[in-house]
Amino acid sequence: MILAGQITGLVLAGGRGMRMGGADKGLLPWAGTTLAAQALARLAPQVDHLAISANRHLEDYQALGVPVWTDAQAFEGPLGGMLAGLGQCQTPWLLCVPCDAPFFPLGLATRLASAVGIEPGQSRMAVAWAQRGDEESARPQPVFCLMHCGLRDRLAEFLSAGGRRAGEWARQAGAARVDFDAEGFRNLNTPEDLASFSAASPKGAAPLA
């Protein structure tokens, strides 16, 4: 059994935000807060340790009151943030979420943790899948993942070999699959998404302050 105290929750906010016109997504205002602050608030009840992965505006992120970790080589995509997290966190497990999906499940940590093993040879990574009613519609959400920190060297090798796709990394790592309702994984990619998202938020998934 993996306990909350064994998991560090990492908000991935280190991207370029190209589809947002180059804006730093995590710092965008949303529902009276910022996207990064919303993600932290949603993670806080699930884990005992929190951090942010960022490569710009570090003082603004530090003002949120949690450690801020930068990529060894900035803008390597979400895997660069994951690698930084695996190297920095002081817990055996790292739970990653992107900053731009403000309604990810409040039970994310518990359900992912239930799918990984603590004995040698068992899965050391679990990935969320978004499902809309039937098996064929399920889609992997590899940036929503729980990883054991023992995977750090393997991820470093994957990146050094030119790997950049989170889904391919999860496949190579033998990630366990955990199905969730798709609504919790809707994300904000464009300014239009940001303007309209709160009005179309999932039922019962109010913003957390």
N, C-alpha and C. Protein backbone atom coordinates (compact mmCIF):
# COMPACT_ATOMS: atom_id res chain seq x y z
N MET A 1 0.84 -1.20 0.00
CA MET A 1 0.00 0.00 0.00
C MET A 1 0.87 1.25 0.00
N ILE A 2 0.61 2.16 -0.93
CA ILE A 2 1.37 3.39 -1.04
C ILE A 2 0.59 4.50 -0.31
N LEU A 3 1.23 5.14 0.63
CA LEU A 3 0.60 6.18 1.43
C LEU A 3 0.84 7.57 0.84
N ALA A 4 -0.01 8.53 1.21
CA ALA A 4 0.13 9.90 0.70
C ALA A 4 1.51 10.48 1.02
N GLY A 5 2.06 10.13 2.16
CA GLY A 5 3.36 10.65 2.55
C GLY A 5 4.50 10.13 1.72
N GLN A 6 4.24 9.10 0.90
CA GLN A 6 5.26 8.54 0.02
C GLN A 6 5.23 9.12 -1.38
N ILE A 7 4.34 10.07 -1.60
CA ILE A 7 4.14 10.61 -2.95
C ILE A 7 4.38 12.12 -2.95
N THR A 8 5.14 12.59 -3.94
CA THR A 8 5.26 14.02 -4.23
C THR A 8 4.40 14.33 -5.45
N GLY A 9 3.52 15.30 -5.33
CA GLY A 9 2.70 15.73 -6.45
C GLY A 9 3.39 16.87 -7.19
N LEU A 10 3.60 16.69 -8.48
CA LEU A 10 4.32 17.67 -9.30
C LEU A 10 3.41 18.24 -10.37
N VAL A 11 3.26 19.57 -10.36
CA VAL A 11 2.50 20.27 -11.40
C VAL A 11 3.46 20.64 -12.52
N LEU A 12 3.19 20.15 -13.72
CA LEU A 12 4.06 20.40 -14.87
C LEU A 12 3.65 21.71 -15.54
N ALA A 13 4.49 22.72 -15.40
CA ALA A 13 4.19 24.04 -15.96
C ALA A 13 5.40 24.61 -16.69
N GLY A 14 6.20 23.72 -17.28
CA GLY A 14 7.46 24.17 -17.87
C GLY A 14 7.47 24.32 -19.36
N GLY A 15 6.29 24.30 -19.99
CA GLY A 15 6.24 24.35 -21.45
C GLY A 15 6.28 25.75 -22.02
N ARG A 16 6.33 25.82 -23.33
CA ARG A 16 6.40 27.12 -24.03
C ARG A 16 5.03 27.76 -24.23
N GLY A 17 3.95 26.99 -24.12
CA GLY A 17 2.61 27.54 -24.31
C GLY A 17 2.38 28.10 -25.70
N MET A 18 2.87 27.40 -26.72
CA MET A 18 2.81 27.94 -28.08
C MET A 18 1.38 28.18 -28.56
N ARG A 19 0.47 27.26 -28.23
CA ARG A 19 -0.91 27.44 -28.68
C ARG A 19 -1.65 28.48 -27.85
N MET A 20 -1.01 28.95 -26.79
CA MET A 20 -1.54 30.07 -26.01
C MET A 20 -0.80 31.36 -26.36
N GLY A 21 -0.19 31.39 -27.53
CA GLY A 21 0.54 32.58 -27.95
C GLY A 21 1.83 32.79 -27.20
N GLY A 22 2.41 31.72 -26.66
CA GLY A 22 3.65 31.83 -25.91
C GLY A 22 3.48 32.18 -24.45
N ALA A 23 2.23 32.25 -23.98
CA ALA A 23 1.98 32.58 -22.57
C ALA A 23 2.45 31.45 -21.67
N ASP A 24 2.84 31.79 -20.46
CA ASP A 24 3.20 30.80 -19.45
C ASP A 24 1.90 30.28 -18.87
N LYS A 25 1.48 29.10 -19.29
CA LYS A 25 0.14 28.59 -18.98
C LYS A 25 -0.16 28.57 -17.49
N GLY A 26 0.78 28.11 -16.69
CA GLY A 26 0.51 27.95 -15.27
C GLY A 26 0.15 29.22 -14.56
N LEU A 27 0.58 30.36 -15.11
CA LEU A 27 0.32 31.65 -14.47
C LEU A 27 -0.90 32.37 -15.05
N LEU A 28 -1.57 31.75 -16.00
CA LEU A 28 -2.76 32.38 -16.57
C LEU A 28 -3.87 32.46 -15.53
N PRO A 29 -4.56 33.59 -15.45
CA PRO A 29 -5.66 33.71 -14.48
C PRO A 29 -6.83 32.85 -14.89
N TRP A 30 -7.43 32.23 -13.89
CA TRP A 30 -8.57 31.36 -14.17
C TRP A 30 -9.38 31.18 -12.89
N ALA A 31 -10.68 31.49 -12.96
CA ALA A 31 -11.63 31.27 -11.86
C ALA A 31 -11.13 31.87 -10.55
N GLY A 32 -10.57 33.07 -10.61
CA GLY A 32 -10.14 33.77 -9.41
C GLY A 32 -8.78 33.36 -8.89
N THR A 33 -8.09 32.49 -9.60
CA THR A 33 -6.75 32.07 -9.18
C THR A 33 -5.91 31.93 -10.44
N THR A 34 -4.90 31.09 -10.43
CA THR A 34 -4.15 30.76 -11.64
C THR A 34 -4.26 29.26 -11.89
N LEU A 35 -3.94 28.87 -13.09
CA LEU A 35 -4.03 27.44 -13.40
C LEU A 35 -3.09 26.61 -12.53
N ALA A 36 -1.90 27.09 -12.27
CA ALA A 36 -0.97 26.35 -11.42
C ALA A 36 -1.49 26.25 -9.99
N ALA A 37 -2.02 27.35 -9.48
CA ALA A 37 -2.56 27.33 -8.11
C ALA A 37 -3.74 26.39 -8.00
N GLN A 38 -4.59 26.35 -9.03
CA GLN A 38 -5.71 25.42 -9.04
C GLN A 38 -5.22 23.97 -9.01
N ALA A 39 -4.20 23.67 -9.80
CA ALA A 39 -3.66 22.31 -9.81
C ALA A 39 -3.08 21.93 -8.45
N LEU A 40 -2.36 22.86 -7.82
CA LEU A 40 -1.82 22.58 -6.49
C LEU A 40 -2.93 22.32 -5.49
N ALA A 41 -3.98 23.13 -5.55
CA ALA A 41 -5.10 22.96 -4.61
C ALA A 41 -5.78 21.62 -4.81
N ARG A 42 -5.81 21.16 -6.03
CA ARG A 42 -6.46 19.88 -6.33
C ARG A 42 -5.57 18.70 -5.91
N LEU A 43 -4.27 18.89 -5.95
CA LEU A 43 -3.33 17.85 -5.53
C LEU A 43 -3.19 17.78 -4.00
N ALA A 44 -3.31 18.92 -3.35
CA ALA A 44 -2.98 19.00 -1.92
C ALA A 44 -3.68 17.96 -1.04
N PRO A 45 -4.97 17.66 -1.26
CA PRO A 45 -5.60 16.65 -0.40
C PRO A 45 -5.15 15.22 -0.72
N GLN A 46 -4.44 15.04 -1.82
CA GLN A 46 -4.12 13.70 -2.29
C GLN A 46 -2.72 13.23 -1.90
N VAL A 47 -1.81 14.17 -1.66
CA VAL A 47 -0.42 13.83 -1.37
C VAL A 47 0.08 14.71 -0.23
N ASP A 48 1.21 14.34 0.36
CA ASP A 48 1.76 15.13 1.46
C ASP A 48 2.84 16.11 1.02
N HIS A 49 3.29 16.00 -0.23
CA HIS A 49 4.38 16.86 -0.71
C HIS A 49 4.02 17.39 -2.09
N LEU A 50 4.34 18.66 -2.34
CA LEU A 50 3.99 19.31 -3.59
C LEU A 50 5.20 20.03 -4.18
N ALA A 51 5.21 20.16 -5.51
CA ALA A 51 6.24 20.91 -6.19
C ALA A 51 5.71 21.33 -7.56
N ILE A 52 6.42 22.26 -8.19
CA ILE A 52 6.07 22.74 -9.53
C ILE A 52 7.28 22.59 -10.43
N SER A 53 7.06 22.15 -11.65
CA SER A 53 8.08 22.14 -12.69
C SER A 53 7.86 23.36 -13.56
N ALA A 54 8.86 24.25 -13.64
CA ALA A 54 8.73 25.48 -14.43
C ALA A 54 10.10 25.87 -14.98
N ASN A 55 10.08 26.61 -16.08
CA ASN A 55 11.32 27.07 -16.70
C ASN A 55 11.34 28.58 -16.93
N ARG A 56 10.26 29.26 -16.60
CA ARG A 56 10.17 30.72 -16.74
C ARG A 56 9.48 31.28 -15.50
N HIS A 57 9.66 32.60 -15.29
CA HIS A 57 8.92 33.30 -14.22
C HIS A 57 9.00 32.54 -12.89
N LEU A 58 10.20 32.15 -12.55
CA LEU A 58 10.38 31.28 -11.38
C LEU A 58 9.94 31.94 -10.08
N GLU A 59 10.16 33.24 -9.95
CA GLU A 59 9.75 33.93 -8.73
C GLU A 59 8.24 33.90 -8.56
N ASP A 60 7.51 34.00 -9.66
CA ASP A 60 6.05 33.94 -9.58
C ASP A 60 5.59 32.56 -9.10
N TYR A 61 6.23 31.54 -9.59
CA TYR A 61 5.87 30.20 -9.14
C TYR A 61 6.30 29.96 -7.70
N GLN A 62 7.47 30.47 -7.32
CA GLN A 62 7.92 30.31 -5.94
C GLN A 62 6.96 30.97 -4.96
N ALA A 63 6.27 32.02 -5.40
CA ALA A 63 5.32 32.70 -4.54
C ALA A 63 4.13 31.82 -4.16
N LEU A 64 3.96 30.70 -4.86
CA LEU A 64 2.87 29.77 -4.53
C LEU A 64 3.22 28.90 -3.33
N GLY A 65 4.45 28.99 -2.85
CA GLY A 65 4.80 28.38 -1.58
C GLY A 65 5.26 26.94 -1.62
N VAL A 66 5.62 26.44 -2.81
CA VAL A 66 6.14 25.06 -2.91
C VAL A 66 7.45 25.10 -3.69
N PRO A 67 8.27 24.06 -3.59
CA PRO A 67 9.52 24.04 -4.36
C PRO A 67 9.25 24.14 -5.86
N VAL A 68 10.14 24.82 -6.57
CA VAL A 68 10.06 24.97 -8.02
C VAL A 68 11.30 24.34 -8.63
N TRP A 69 11.09 23.38 -9.51
CA TRP A 69 12.19 22.65 -10.12
C TRP A 69 12.24 22.92 -11.61
N THR A 70 13.42 23.20 -12.12
CA THR A 70 13.60 23.48 -13.55
C THR A 70 14.20 22.26 -14.25
N ASP A 71 13.96 22.18 -15.56
CA ASP A 71 14.52 21.09 -16.36
C ASP A 71 16.03 21.26 -16.50
N ALA A 72 16.74 20.15 -16.60
CA ALA A 72 18.18 20.21 -16.86
C ALA A 72 18.43 20.88 -18.20
N GLN A 73 17.58 20.59 -19.18
CA GLN A 73 17.59 21.26 -20.47
C GLN A 73 16.17 21.75 -20.72
N ALA A 74 16.00 23.05 -20.64
CA ALA A 74 14.65 23.62 -20.66
C ALA A 74 13.89 23.25 -21.93
N PHE A 75 12.59 23.12 -21.75
CA PHE A 75 11.64 22.91 -22.84
C PHE A 75 11.85 21.59 -23.57
N GLU A 76 12.10 20.53 -22.81
CA GLU A 76 12.15 19.19 -23.38
C GLU A 76 10.77 18.54 -23.36
N GLY A 77 9.74 19.32 -23.07
CA GLY A 77 8.41 18.76 -22.99
C GLY A 77 8.14 18.21 -21.60
N PRO A 78 6.97 17.60 -21.41
CA PRO A 78 6.62 17.12 -20.07
C PRO A 78 7.62 16.11 -19.52
N LEU A 79 8.27 15.34 -20.38
CA LEU A 79 9.23 14.36 -19.88
C LEU A 79 10.42 15.02 -19.21
N GLY A 80 10.80 16.22 -19.68
CA GLY A 80 11.88 16.95 -19.03
C GLY A 80 11.51 17.34 -17.61
N GLY A 81 10.26 17.76 -17.42
CA GLY A 81 9.78 18.08 -16.08
C GLY A 81 9.69 16.86 -15.20
N MET A 82 9.26 15.75 -15.78
CA MET A 82 9.19 14.51 -15.01
C MET A 82 10.58 14.07 -14.55
N LEU A 83 11.55 14.18 -15.46
CA LEU A 83 12.91 13.78 -15.09
C LEU A 83 13.44 14.65 -13.96
N ALA A 84 13.20 15.96 -14.05
CA ALA A 84 13.63 16.85 -12.96
C ALA A 84 12.96 16.46 -11.65
N GLY A 85 11.69 16.12 -11.72
CA GLY A 85 10.96 15.71 -10.52
C GLY A 85 11.50 14.43 -9.92
N LEU A 86 11.80 13.46 -10.77
CA LEU A 86 12.34 12.19 -10.28
C LEU A 86 13.69 12.38 -9.61
N GLY A 87 14.44 13.38 -10.08
CA GLY A 87 15.75 13.63 -9.49
C GLY A 87 15.72 14.47 -8.24
N GLN A 88 14.66 15.25 -8.06
CA GLN A 88 14.60 16.20 -6.95
C GLN A 88 13.75 15.73 -5.78
N CYS A 89 12.73 14.94 -6.03
CA CYS A 89 11.79 14.65 -4.94
C CYS A 89 12.42 13.72 -3.91
N GLN A 90 11.97 13.86 -2.68
CA GLN A 90 12.52 13.11 -1.56
C GLN A 90 11.61 11.96 -1.14
N THR A 91 10.64 11.64 -1.97
CA THR A 91 9.73 10.53 -1.70
C THR A 91 9.96 9.43 -2.74
N PRO A 92 9.50 8.22 -2.45
CA PRO A 92 9.71 7.13 -3.42
C PRO A 92 8.89 7.27 -4.70
N TRP A 93 7.78 8.01 -4.63
CA TRP A 93 6.86 8.09 -5.77
C TRP A 93 6.62 9.53 -6.18
N LEU A 94 6.42 9.73 -7.49
CA LEU A 94 6.15 11.05 -8.06
C LEU A 94 4.85 10.97 -8.85
N LEU A 95 3.91 11.84 -8.51
CA LEU A 95 2.64 11.95 -9.22
C LEU A 95 2.67 13.21 -10.07
N CYS A 96 2.55 13.08 -11.37
CA CYS A 96 2.62 14.23 -12.28
C CYS A 96 1.25 14.58 -12.85
N VAL A 97 0.98 15.89 -12.92
CA VAL A 97 -0.22 16.38 -13.58
C VAL A 97 0.17 17.63 -14.37
N PRO A 98 -0.46 17.89 -15.51
CA PRO A 98 -0.21 19.14 -16.23
C PRO A 98 -0.96 20.28 -15.57
N CYS A 99 -0.50 21.49 -15.82
CA CYS A 99 -1.12 22.66 -15.19
C CYS A 99 -2.40 23.09 -15.89
N ASP A 100 -2.69 22.52 -17.07
CA ASP A 100 -3.78 23.07 -17.88
C ASP A 100 -5.04 22.22 -17.90
N ALA A 101 -5.21 21.32 -16.92
CA ALA A 101 -6.43 20.51 -16.83
C ALA A 101 -7.01 20.70 -15.43
N PRO A 102 -7.74 21.80 -15.20
CA PRO A 102 -8.09 22.21 -13.83
C PRO A 102 -9.11 21.34 -13.12
N PHE A 103 -9.64 20.31 -13.75
CA PHE A 103 -10.61 19.46 -13.08
C PHE A 103 -10.18 18.00 -13.05
N PHE A 104 -8.87 17.75 -12.98
CA PHE A 104 -8.44 16.36 -12.92
C PHE A 104 -8.97 15.71 -11.65
N PRO A 105 -9.12 14.39 -11.63
CA PRO A 105 -9.83 13.72 -10.53
C PRO A 105 -9.19 13.93 -9.16
N LEU A 106 -10.03 14.14 -8.18
CA LEU A 106 -9.55 14.27 -6.80
C LEU A 106 -9.09 12.92 -6.24
N GLY A 107 -9.47 11.84 -6.89
CA GLY A 107 -9.01 10.52 -6.48
C GLY A 107 -7.88 9.99 -7.34
N LEU A 108 -7.21 10.87 -8.06
CA LEU A 108 -6.17 10.44 -8.99
C LEU A 108 -5.06 9.66 -8.29
N ALA A 109 -4.51 10.20 -7.21
CA ALA A 109 -3.39 9.56 -6.54
C ALA A 109 -3.77 8.18 -6.01
N THR A 110 -4.90 8.09 -5.36
CA THR A 110 -5.31 6.81 -4.76
C THR A 110 -5.50 5.73 -5.81
N ARG A 111 -6.14 6.08 -6.90
CA ARG A 111 -6.43 5.07 -7.92
C ARG A 111 -5.19 4.67 -8.69
N LEU A 112 -4.30 5.62 -8.99
CA LEU A 112 -3.06 5.25 -9.66
C LEU A 112 -2.19 4.40 -8.75
N ALA A 113 -2.16 4.78 -7.46
CA ALA A 113 -1.34 4.02 -6.50
C ALA A 113 -1.82 2.59 -6.36
N SER A 114 -3.11 2.36 -6.52
CA SER A 114 -3.65 1.01 -6.38
C SER A 114 -3.24 0.11 -7.53
N ALA A 115 -2.74 0.71 -8.62
CA ALA A 115 -2.40 -0.07 -9.81
C ALA A 115 -0.93 -0.42 -9.91
N VAL A 116 -0.09 0.13 -9.04
CA VAL A 116 1.34 -0.17 -9.10
C VAL A 116 1.74 -1.04 -7.92
N GLY A 117 2.81 -1.81 -8.12
CA GLY A 117 3.25 -2.72 -7.08
C GLY A 117 4.42 -2.17 -6.31
N ILE A 118 4.61 -2.66 -5.11
CA ILE A 118 5.73 -2.23 -4.29
C ILE A 118 6.79 -3.32 -4.18
N GLU A 119 6.53 -4.47 -4.82
CA GLU A 119 7.50 -5.55 -4.81
C GLU A 119 8.33 -5.52 -6.09
N PRO A 120 9.59 -5.97 -6.04
CA PRO A 120 10.43 -6.03 -7.25
C PRO A 120 9.73 -6.81 -8.37
N GLY A 121 9.83 -6.30 -9.58
CA GLY A 121 9.22 -6.96 -10.72
C GLY A 121 7.82 -6.50 -11.03
N GLN A 122 7.18 -5.80 -10.12
CA GLN A 122 5.84 -5.28 -10.38
C GLN A 122 5.93 -3.92 -11.08
N SER A 123 4.82 -3.49 -11.64
CA SER A 123 4.80 -2.22 -12.37
C SER A 123 5.24 -1.07 -11.47
N ARG A 124 6.08 -0.22 -12.01
CA ARG A 124 6.58 0.94 -11.29
C ARG A 124 5.98 2.24 -11.81
N MET A 125 4.99 2.12 -12.67
CA MET A 125 4.37 3.32 -13.24
C MET A 125 2.92 3.02 -13.56
N ALA A 126 2.04 3.99 -13.33
CA ALA A 126 0.63 3.88 -13.70
C ALA A 126 0.22 5.14 -14.44
N VAL A 127 -0.61 4.97 -15.45
CA VAL A 127 -1.06 6.07 -16.30
C VAL A 127 -2.58 6.11 -16.33
N ALA A 128 -3.14 7.31 -16.28
CA ALA A 128 -4.59 7.47 -16.39
C ALA A 128 -5.03 7.30 -17.84
N TRP A 129 -6.18 6.70 -18.01
CA TRP A 129 -6.84 6.63 -19.31
C TRP A 129 -8.19 7.30 -19.18
N ALA A 130 -8.52 8.14 -20.15
CA ALA A 130 -9.81 8.82 -20.16
C ALA A 130 -10.79 8.00 -20.98
N GLN A 131 -11.90 7.63 -20.36
CA GLN A 131 -12.84 6.73 -21.01
C GLN A 131 -14.21 7.39 -21.13
N ARG A 132 -14.80 7.24 -22.32
CA ARG A 132 -16.13 7.78 -22.57
C ARG A 132 -17.11 6.64 -22.86
N GLY A 133 -17.42 5.90 -21.83
CA GLY A 133 -18.50 4.93 -21.95
C GLY A 133 -18.14 3.55 -22.46
N ASP A 134 -17.17 3.42 -23.36
CA ASP A 134 -16.85 2.10 -23.86
C ASP A 134 -15.34 1.97 -24.05
N GLU A 135 -14.91 0.73 -24.15
CA GLU A 135 -13.48 0.43 -24.20
C GLU A 135 -12.80 1.08 -25.40
N GLU A 136 -13.47 1.10 -26.55
CA GLU A 136 -12.84 1.61 -27.76
C GLU A 136 -12.58 3.10 -27.70
N SER A 137 -13.32 3.83 -26.87
CA SER A 137 -13.15 5.28 -26.81
C SER A 137 -12.10 5.72 -25.81
N ALA A 138 -11.52 4.78 -25.06
CA ALA A 138 -10.53 5.13 -24.03
C ALA A 138 -9.26 5.65 -24.67
N ARG A 139 -8.72 6.72 -24.08
CA ARG A 139 -7.48 7.30 -24.60
C ARG A 139 -6.49 7.47 -23.46
N PRO A 140 -5.22 7.13 -23.70
CA PRO A 140 -4.22 7.31 -22.64
C PRO A 140 -3.98 8.78 -22.35
N GLN A 141 -3.72 9.09 -21.10
CA GLN A 141 -3.38 10.44 -20.65
C GLN A 141 -2.02 10.34 -19.93
N PRO A 142 -0.93 10.12 -20.68
CA PRO A 142 0.34 9.74 -20.06
C PRO A 142 1.00 10.81 -19.22
N VAL A 143 0.53 12.06 -19.32
CA VAL A 143 1.12 13.11 -18.47
C VAL A 143 0.52 13.03 -17.06
N PHE A 144 -0.63 12.38 -16.93
CA PHE A 144 -1.20 12.08 -15.61
C PHE A 144 -0.69 10.71 -15.19
N CYS A 145 0.38 10.70 -14.45
CA CYS A 145 1.02 9.42 -14.16
C CYS A 145 1.66 9.41 -12.78
N LEU A 146 1.80 8.21 -12.26
CA LEU A 146 2.49 7.97 -11.01
C LEU A 146 3.71 7.11 -11.32
N MET A 147 4.89 7.57 -10.91
CA MET A 147 6.13 6.85 -11.21
C MET A 147 6.96 6.65 -9.96
N HIS A 148 7.61 5.50 -9.90
CA HIS A 148 8.59 5.27 -8.84
C HIS A 148 9.89 5.98 -9.22
N CYS A 149 10.56 6.57 -8.26
CA CYS A 149 11.77 7.34 -8.55
C CYS A 149 12.92 6.46 -9.05
N GLY A 150 12.78 5.15 -8.90
CA GLY A 150 13.77 4.26 -9.46
C GLY A 150 13.78 4.24 -10.98
N LEU A 151 12.79 4.88 -11.62
CA LEU A 151 12.73 4.97 -13.08
C LEU A 151 13.55 6.13 -13.63
N ARG A 152 14.17 6.91 -12.76
CA ARG A 152 14.86 8.11 -13.22
C ARG A 152 15.90 7.81 -14.31
N ASP A 153 16.77 6.84 -14.08
CA ASP A 153 17.83 6.56 -15.05
C ASP A 153 17.26 6.09 -16.38
N ARG A 154 16.21 5.29 -16.32
CA ARG A 154 15.59 4.82 -17.56
C ARG A 154 14.99 5.98 -18.35
N LEU A 155 14.36 6.92 -17.65
CA LEU A 155 13.80 8.09 -18.35
C LEU A 155 14.91 8.95 -18.92
N ALA A 156 16.00 9.12 -18.19
CA ALA A 156 17.14 9.90 -18.70
C ALA A 156 17.69 9.27 -19.97
N GLU A 157 17.78 7.95 -20.00
CA GLU A 157 18.26 7.25 -21.19
C GLU A 157 17.30 7.44 -22.36
N PHE A 158 16.00 7.39 -22.06
CA PHE A 158 14.98 7.58 -23.09
C PHE A 158 15.11 8.96 -23.73
N LEU A 159 15.28 9.99 -22.90
CA LEU A 159 15.44 11.34 -23.42
C LEU A 159 16.75 11.50 -24.18
N SER A 160 17.81 10.92 -23.67
CA SER A 160 19.12 11.02 -24.34
C SER A 160 19.09 10.38 -25.72
N ALA A 161 18.24 9.37 -25.88
CA ALA A 161 18.11 8.69 -27.17
C ALA A 161 17.16 9.42 -28.12
N GLY A 162 16.66 10.57 -27.69
CA GLY A 162 15.78 11.36 -28.55
C GLY A 162 14.31 11.19 -28.30
N GLY A 163 13.94 10.38 -27.32
CA GLY A 163 12.53 10.19 -27.02
C GLY A 163 11.90 11.45 -26.45
N ARG A 164 10.71 11.77 -26.90
CA ARG A 164 10.01 12.95 -26.40
C ARG A 164 8.54 12.68 -26.11
N ARG A 165 8.01 11.58 -26.57
CA ARG A 165 6.59 11.30 -26.43
C ARG A 165 6.30 10.60 -25.11
N ALA A 166 5.44 11.23 -24.31
CA ALA A 166 5.13 10.66 -23.01
C ALA A 166 4.46 9.30 -23.13
N GLY A 167 3.64 9.12 -24.16
CA GLY A 167 2.97 7.84 -24.34
C GLY A 167 3.95 6.72 -24.63
N GLU A 168 4.95 7.00 -25.44
CA GLU A 168 5.95 5.99 -25.75
C GLU A 168 6.78 5.65 -24.53
N TRP A 169 7.11 6.69 -23.73
CA TRP A 169 7.84 6.43 -22.49
C TRP A 169 7.02 5.53 -21.56
N ALA A 170 5.74 5.81 -21.41
CA ALA A 170 4.90 5.00 -20.54
C ALA A 170 4.84 3.55 -21.03
N ARG A 171 4.76 3.37 -22.35
CA ARG A 171 4.72 2.01 -22.90
C ARG A 171 6.02 1.27 -22.59
N GLN A 172 7.15 1.95 -22.81
CA GLN A 172 8.43 1.30 -22.54
C GLN A 172 8.62 0.98 -21.07
N ALA A 173 8.06 1.82 -20.21
CA ALA A 173 8.19 1.60 -18.76
C ALA A 173 7.22 0.55 -18.23
N GLY A 174 6.36 0.05 -19.11
CA GLY A 174 5.39 -0.97 -18.68
C GLY A 174 4.33 -0.44 -17.75
N ALA A 175 3.84 0.75 -18.04
CA ALA A 175 2.88 1.40 -17.15
C ALA A 175 1.57 0.63 -17.07
N ALA A 176 1.04 0.55 -15.86
CA ALA A 176 -0.29 0.00 -15.66
C ALA A 176 -1.34 1.02 -16.10
N ARG A 177 -2.47 0.53 -16.53
CA ARG A 177 -3.56 1.38 -17.02
C ARG A 177 -4.64 1.52 -15.95
N VAL A 178 -5.12 2.75 -15.77
CA VAL A 178 -6.22 3.01 -14.83
C VAL A 178 -7.26 3.86 -15.55
N ASP A 179 -8.49 3.37 -15.63
CA ASP A 179 -9.54 4.07 -16.36
C ASP A 179 -10.26 5.09 -15.48
N PHE A 180 -10.50 6.27 -16.06
CA PHE A 180 -11.24 7.35 -15.42
C PHE A 180 -12.26 7.89 -16.41
N ASP A 181 -13.25 8.60 -15.90
CA ASP A 181 -14.17 9.32 -16.77
C ASP A 181 -13.42 10.42 -17.51
N ALA A 182 -13.69 10.56 -18.79
CA ALA A 182 -12.93 11.48 -19.63
C ALA A 182 -13.09 12.94 -19.24
N GLU A 183 -14.21 13.32 -18.63
CA GLU A 183 -14.47 14.74 -18.37
C GLU A 183 -13.39 15.38 -17.50
N GLY A 184 -12.79 14.62 -16.60
CA GLY A 184 -11.80 15.20 -15.71
C GLY A 184 -10.50 15.57 -16.37
N PHE A 185 -10.31 15.19 -17.64
CA PHE A 185 -9.04 15.42 -18.31
C PHE A 185 -9.11 16.46 -19.42
N ARG A 186 -10.23 17.16 -19.48
CA ARG A 186 -10.33 18.25 -20.46
C ARG A 186 -9.29 19.32 -20.11
N ASN A 187 -8.59 19.78 -21.15
CA ASN A 187 -7.53 20.75 -20.87
C ASN A 187 -7.69 22.01 -21.71
N LEU A 188 -6.90 23.01 -21.37
CA LEU A 188 -6.96 24.31 -22.01
C LEU A 188 -5.72 24.49 -22.88
N ASN A 189 -5.93 24.48 -24.19
CA ASN A 189 -4.81 24.62 -25.11
C ASN A 189 -4.73 25.97 -25.77
N THR A 190 -5.87 26.67 -25.87
CA THR A 190 -5.93 27.92 -26.61
C THR A 190 -6.60 29.01 -25.78
N PRO A 191 -6.46 30.28 -26.17
CA PRO A 191 -7.18 31.35 -25.46
C PRO A 191 -8.69 31.14 -25.46
N GLU A 192 -9.21 30.55 -26.54
CA GLU A 192 -10.65 30.28 -26.61
C GLU A 192 -11.06 29.25 -25.56
N ASP A 193 -10.23 28.25 -25.38
CA ASP A 193 -10.50 27.27 -24.33
C ASP A 193 -10.55 27.95 -22.96
N LEU A 194 -9.59 28.82 -22.72
CA LEU A 194 -9.51 29.50 -21.43
C LEU A 194 -10.75 30.34 -21.16
N ALA A 195 -11.25 31.01 -22.21
CA ALA A 195 -12.41 31.88 -22.05
C ALA A 195 -13.69 31.11 -21.80
N SER A 196 -13.80 29.91 -22.37
CA SER A 196 -15.06 29.18 -22.32
C SER A 196 -15.10 28.05 -21.32
N PHE A 197 -13.96 27.66 -20.80
CA PHE A 197 -13.89 26.40 -20.06
C PHE A 197 -14.71 26.40 -18.78
N SER A 198 -14.68 27.49 -18.01
CA SER A 198 -15.36 27.46 -16.72
C SER A 198 -16.86 27.26 -16.88
N ALA A 199 -17.42 27.81 -17.95
CA ALA A 199 -18.86 27.66 -18.17
C ALA A 199 -19.23 26.24 -18.53
N ALA A 200 -18.26 25.50 -19.08
CA ALA A 200 -18.52 24.13 -19.51
C ALA A 200 -17.83 23.11 -18.62
N SER A 201 -17.51 23.49 -17.38
CA SER A 201 -16.77 22.61 -16.49
C SER A 201 -17.63 21.41 -16.10
N PRO A 202 -16.98 20.28 -15.80
CA PRO A 202 -17.73 19.07 -15.43
C PRO A 202 -18.63 19.31 -14.23
N LYS A 203 -19.78 18.69 -14.24
CA LYS A 203 -20.74 18.82 -13.15
C LYS A 203 -20.11 18.40 -11.82
N GLY A 204 -20.24 19.24 -10.84
CA GLY A 204 -19.73 18.91 -9.51
C GLY A 204 -18.26 19.17 -9.33
N ALA A 205 -17.58 19.69 -10.35
CA ALA A 205 -16.13 19.89 -10.27
C ALA A 205 -15.83 21.37 -10.15
N ALA A 206 -16.24 21.96 -9.06
CA ALA A 206 -16.02 23.39 -8.85
C ALA A 206 -14.55 23.69 -8.64
N PRO A 207 -14.11 24.90 -9.04
CA PRO A 207 -12.72 25.28 -8.80
C PRO A 207 -12.37 25.21 -7.32
N LEU A 208 -11.16 24.86 -7.01
CA LEU A 208 -10.67 24.85 -5.63
C LEU A 208 -9.77 26.05 -5.42
N ALA A 209 -9.94 26.74 -4.31
CA ALA A 209 -9.12 27.91 -4.03
C ALA A 209 -7.93 27.49 -3.19
